[in-house]
Amino acid sequence: MFLLQAVEEVTTASTAGAEENFKEVAIWQAVLDATSDFMGLVIMIVLAVMSVYAVYVFVERLLALRRASENDPTFLNRVKDLLSEGKVDDAKNLCLRTDSPSARMLEKGISRLGKSVDIVATTIDNTGKLEISRLEQRLSFLATAAGAAPMIGFLGTTLGMVKTFNAMKNLDSLDLGTIAPGIMTAMVTTVAGLIVGIIAYMGYNYLVSKISKVVYRMENDAMEFMDLLHKPTK
């Protein structure tokens, strides 16, 4: 009895393993069928390059935003204290030693002290825009990939179906071996395009939310700095 039970368990495990291996082979075979066609191969290569670069852009921008988000809660108060004491050079040096968009923005504003408030405000505003553009470097690629990747996949779908119908027009009867490659090209390229598009779309929106937090802090620091300039001297 125990022997029969052991044989049944081994048979069940073998069947499950065979099914898993069959699924893996089927998926891999689908990819091979899609890339066996020249246009399918070109589309898959384009999508693969887009996916690799999208991941690179996401990781690189995420690390840059983490550095930009590092916040010293005492930084702005120290700058304000130094300026209140008339230590302009010390305040400027403190900004130079601090690696953050707000520090670079305030450093430019401090370097314009002694000129009109409008000039200082314009300098801070222009520097802030420059820092924001640096934070958004290569981010446009993710937005482009989010929209372009599914469209490229759908192009593969169209080409695959054209190939399928072109193969069917000379058939007297339905032959799956003839039409299957075109259908596989259509399906695999569509799935690949949607995967790349979803990854790029989610990465883009996540990075935009992180940039918004950095921009909010920059605006807050700039406003407090300008309030200090407008504060009446005793």
Protein backbone atom coordinates (compact mmCIF):
# COMPACT_ATOMS: atom_id res chain seq x y z
CA MET A 1 0.00 0.00 0.00
CA PHE A 2 2.78 2.37 0.91
CA LEU A 3 4.53 1.41 -2.32
CA LEU A 4 1.45 2.29 -4.39
CA GLN A 5 1.11 5.63 -2.60
CA ALA A 6 4.77 6.45 -3.27
CA VAL A 7 4.38 5.56 -6.93
CA GLU A 8 1.33 7.84 -7.19
CA GLU A 9 3.21 10.74 -5.57
CA VAL A 10 6.16 10.29 -7.91
CA THR A 11 3.82 10.12 -10.93
CA THR A 12 1.98 13.29 -9.83
CA ALA A 13 5.25 15.16 -9.30
CA SER A 14 6.56 14.02 -12.67
CA THR A 15 3.35 15.12 -14.41
CA ALA A 16 3.48 18.55 -12.75
CA GLY A 17 7.14 18.95 -13.70
CA ALA A 18 6.38 17.92 -17.27
CA GLU A 19 3.56 20.47 -17.47
CA GLU A 20 5.84 23.24 -16.19
CA ASN A 21 8.55 22.26 -18.67
CA PHE A 22 5.96 22.21 -21.45
CA LYS A 23 4.80 25.73 -20.53
CA GLU A 24 8.37 27.04 -20.52
CA VAL A 25 9.10 25.40 -23.87
CA ALA A 26 5.84 26.77 -25.31
CA ILE A 27 6.63 30.32 -24.22
CA TRP A 28 10.18 30.10 -25.52
CA GLN A 29 8.93 28.58 -28.77
CA ALA A 30 6.46 31.47 -29.15
CA VAL A 31 9.29 33.97 -28.83
CA LEU A 32 11.36 32.02 -31.36
CA ASP A 33 8.44 31.94 -33.78
CA ALA A 34 7.95 35.68 -33.43
CA THR A 35 11.62 36.42 -34.07
CA SER A 36 11.92 33.99 -36.97
CA ASP A 37 10.18 36.60 -39.12
CA PHE A 38 12.49 39.48 -40.08
CA MET A 39 10.07 42.26 -39.15
CA GLY A 40 9.15 40.47 -35.94
CA LEU A 41 12.84 40.21 -35.09
CA VAL A 42 13.38 43.93 -35.76
CA ILE A 43 10.42 44.90 -33.58
CA MET A 44 11.53 42.64 -30.73
CA ILE A 45 15.06 44.09 -30.87
CA VAL A 46 13.68 47.64 -30.77
CA LEU A 47 11.48 46.80 -27.80
CA ALA A 48 14.35 45.07 -26.01
CA VAL A 49 16.61 48.12 -26.46
CA MET A 50 13.82 50.41 -25.26
CA SER A 51 13.22 48.28 -22.18
CA VAL A 52 16.91 48.20 -21.22
CA TYR A 53 17.31 51.95 -21.65
CA ALA A 54 14.05 52.64 -19.80
CA VAL A 55 15.27 50.63 -16.81
CA TYR A 56 18.62 52.45 -16.94
CA VAL A 57 16.92 55.87 -17.02
CA PHE A 58 14.63 54.93 -14.14
CA VAL A 59 17.44 53.68 -11.89
CA GLU A 60 19.77 56.58 -12.74
CA ARG A 61 17.07 59.23 -12.15
CA LEU A 62 15.91 57.51 -8.97
CA LEU A 63 19.41 57.64 -7.48
CA ALA A 64 19.79 61.29 -8.53
CA LEU A 65 16.46 62.20 -6.94
CA ARG A 66 17.38 60.40 -3.75
CA ARG A 67 20.51 62.53 -3.51
CA ALA A 68 18.50 65.66 -4.25
CA SER A 69 15.90 64.69 -1.63
CA GLU A 70 18.45 64.42 1.16
CA ASN A 71 17.38 67.20 3.46
CA ASP A 72 19.30 68.84 6.29
CA PRO A 73 16.53 70.34 8.44
CA THR A 74 18.95 72.90 9.89
CA PHE A 75 20.38 74.10 6.55
CA LEU A 76 17.95 76.92 5.82
CA ASN A 77 17.95 78.18 9.41
CA ARG A 78 21.75 78.26 9.41
CA VAL A 79 21.78 80.26 6.18
CA LYS A 80 19.23 82.70 7.58
CA ASP A 81 21.19 83.08 10.82
CA LEU A 82 24.43 83.79 8.96
CA LEU A 83 22.74 86.37 6.74
CA SER A 84 21.09 88.00 9.73
CA GLU A 85 24.54 88.36 11.31
CA GLY A 86 25.92 89.86 8.12
CA LYS A 87 28.14 86.86 7.37
CA VAL A 88 27.35 86.72 3.65
CA ASP A 89 30.52 84.86 2.64
CA ASP A 90 29.96 82.22 5.32
CA ALA A 91 26.38 81.72 4.11
CA LYS A 92 27.59 81.40 0.53
CA ASN A 93 30.28 78.88 1.51
CA LEU A 94 27.70 76.85 3.42
CA CYS A 95 25.58 76.64 0.27
CA LEU A 96 28.60 75.62 -1.78
CA ARG A 97 29.36 72.80 0.66
CA THR A 98 25.78 71.51 0.52
CA ASP A 99 24.97 69.35 -2.49
CA SER A 100 21.28 69.99 -3.11
CA PRO A 101 19.16 71.94 -5.62
CA SER A 102 17.99 74.35 -2.92
CA ALA A 103 21.55 75.09 -1.81
CA ARG A 104 22.69 75.83 -5.35
CA MET A 105 19.67 78.02 -5.90
CA LEU A 106 20.23 80.01 -2.70
CA GLU A 107 23.95 80.33 -3.44
CA LYS A 108 23.13 82.17 -6.66
CA GLY A 109 20.72 84.40 -4.79
CA ILE A 110 23.27 85.21 -2.10
CA SER A 111 25.85 86.07 -4.74
CA ARG A 112 23.44 88.78 -6.00
CA LEU A 113 22.93 90.39 -2.61
CA GLY A 114 23.49 94.14 -2.75
CA LYS A 115 21.55 94.42 -5.99
CA SER A 116 17.82 95.07 -6.29
CA VAL A 117 15.40 92.53 -4.89
CA ASP A 118 13.97 91.95 -8.35
CA ILE A 119 17.38 90.91 -9.68
CA VAL A 120 17.85 88.52 -6.75
CA ALA A 121 14.38 87.05 -7.30
CA THR A 122 14.99 86.62 -11.03
CA THR A 123 18.33 84.92 -10.36
CA ILE A 124 16.74 82.49 -7.92
CA ASP A 125 13.88 81.77 -10.32
CA ASN A 126 16.20 81.10 -13.27
CA THR A 127 18.48 78.90 -11.17
CA GLY A 128 15.48 76.97 -9.91
CA LYS A 129 14.32 76.31 -13.46
CA LEU A 130 17.80 75.09 -14.36
CA GLU A 131 17.85 72.72 -11.38
CA ILE A 132 14.42 71.37 -12.30
CA SER A 133 15.55 70.73 -15.87
CA ARG A 134 18.51 68.79 -14.50
CA LEU A 135 16.19 66.68 -12.37
CA GLU A 136 14.06 65.92 -15.42
CA GLN A 137 16.96 64.84 -17.64
CA ARG A 138 16.07 61.85 -19.86
CA LEU A 139 12.67 61.65 -18.20
CA SER A 140 11.03 62.45 -21.53
CA PHE A 141 12.27 59.10 -22.86
CA LEU A 142 10.13 57.25 -20.34
CA ALA A 143 7.09 59.26 -21.40
CA THR A 144 7.88 58.53 -25.04
CA ALA A 145 8.45 54.82 -24.40
CA ALA A 146 5.19 54.58 -22.44
CA GLY A 147 3.29 55.62 -25.55
CA ALA A 148 5.53 54.34 -28.32
CA ALA A 149 6.23 50.80 -27.05
CA PRO A 150 2.58 49.60 -27.25
CA MET A 151 2.26 51.23 -30.68
CA ILE A 152 5.38 49.39 -31.88
CA GLY A 153 3.91 46.17 -30.47
CA PHE A 154 0.65 46.82 -32.32
CA LEU A 155 2.68 47.39 -35.49
CA GLY A 156 4.04 43.89 -35.00
CA THR A 157 0.45 42.69 -34.58
CA THR A 158 -0.57 44.27 -37.87
CA LEU A 159 2.45 42.89 -39.72
CA GLY A 160 1.87 39.44 -38.26
CA MET A 161 -1.75 39.42 -39.35
CA VAL A 162 -0.80 40.64 -42.83
CA LYS A 163 1.65 37.76 -43.03
CA THR A 164 -1.03 35.35 -41.85
CA PHE A 165 -3.65 36.44 -44.38
CA ASN A 166 -1.06 36.50 -47.14
CA ALA A 167 -0.20 32.89 -46.33
CA MET A 168 -3.86 31.90 -46.19
CA LYS A 169 -4.83 33.26 -49.59
CA ASN A 170 -3.15 30.40 -51.45
CA LEU A 171 -4.39 27.62 -49.15
CA ASP A 172 -7.20 25.29 -50.15
CA SER A 173 -7.66 24.24 -46.53
CA LEU A 174 -6.67 25.61 -43.15
CA ASP A 175 -3.05 24.73 -42.33
CA LEU A 176 -1.99 25.77 -38.83
CA GLY A 177 1.66 25.23 -39.65
CA THR A 178 1.43 27.93 -42.29
CA ILE A 179 -0.51 30.59 -40.40
CA ALA A 180 0.90 29.99 -36.89
CA PRO A 181 4.16 31.99 -37.37
CA GLY A 182 2.27 35.12 -38.38
CA ILE A 183 -0.14 34.81 -35.47
CA MET A 184 2.73 34.25 -33.02
CA THR A 185 4.49 37.34 -34.36
CA ALA A 186 1.30 39.33 -33.80
CA MET A 187 0.72 38.11 -30.25
CA VAL A 188 4.29 38.13 -28.92
CA THR A 189 5.12 41.61 -30.20
CA THR A 190 1.88 42.95 -28.70
CA VAL A 191 2.66 41.46 -25.29
CA ALA A 192 6.25 42.74 -25.41
CA GLY A 193 5.12 46.24 -26.38
CA LEU A 194 2.56 46.39 -23.58
CA ILE A 195 5.09 45.19 -20.98
CA VAL A 196 7.64 47.84 -21.98
CA GLY A 197 4.94 50.51 -22.08
CA ILE A 198 3.61 49.63 -18.63
CA ILE A 199 7.09 49.63 -17.10
CA ALA A 200 7.93 53.01 -18.66
CA TYR A 201 4.57 54.52 -17.69
CA MET A 202 4.78 53.46 -14.05
CA GLY A 203 8.43 54.53 -13.79
CA TYR A 204 7.69 57.93 -15.33
CA ASN A 205 4.82 58.68 -12.96
CA TYR A 206 6.81 57.57 -9.92
CA LEU A 207 9.74 59.81 -10.83
CA VAL A 208 7.43 62.76 -11.52
CA SER A 209 5.97 62.41 -8.03
CA LYS A 210 9.48 62.41 -6.53
CA ILE A 211 10.45 65.50 -8.55
CA SER A 212 7.32 67.31 -7.36
CA LYS A 213 8.41 66.85 -3.75
CA VAL A 214 11.88 68.27 -4.50
CA VAL A 215 10.38 71.23 -6.39
CA TYR A 216 8.02 71.97 -3.49
CA ARG A 217 10.96 72.11 -1.09
CA MET A 218 12.88 74.38 -3.45
CA GLU A 219 9.93 76.76 -3.72
CA ASN A 220 9.54 76.81 0.04
CA ASP A 221 13.24 77.56 0.60
CA ALA A 222 13.18 80.29 -2.06
CA MET A 223 10.13 81.91 -0.48
CA GLU A 224 11.67 81.92 2.99
CA PHE A 225 14.89 83.39 1.57
CA MET A 226 12.97 86.19 -0.16
CA ASP A 227 10.99 86.84 3.01
CA LEU A 228 14.30 87.36 4.77
CA LEU A 229 15.29 89.97 2.18
CA HIS A 230 11.99 91.78 2.60
CA LYS A 231 12.25 91.72 6.37
CA PRO A 232 12.75 95.27 7.66
CA THR A 233 16.12 95.91 9.25
CA LYS A 234 16.20 97.38 12.76
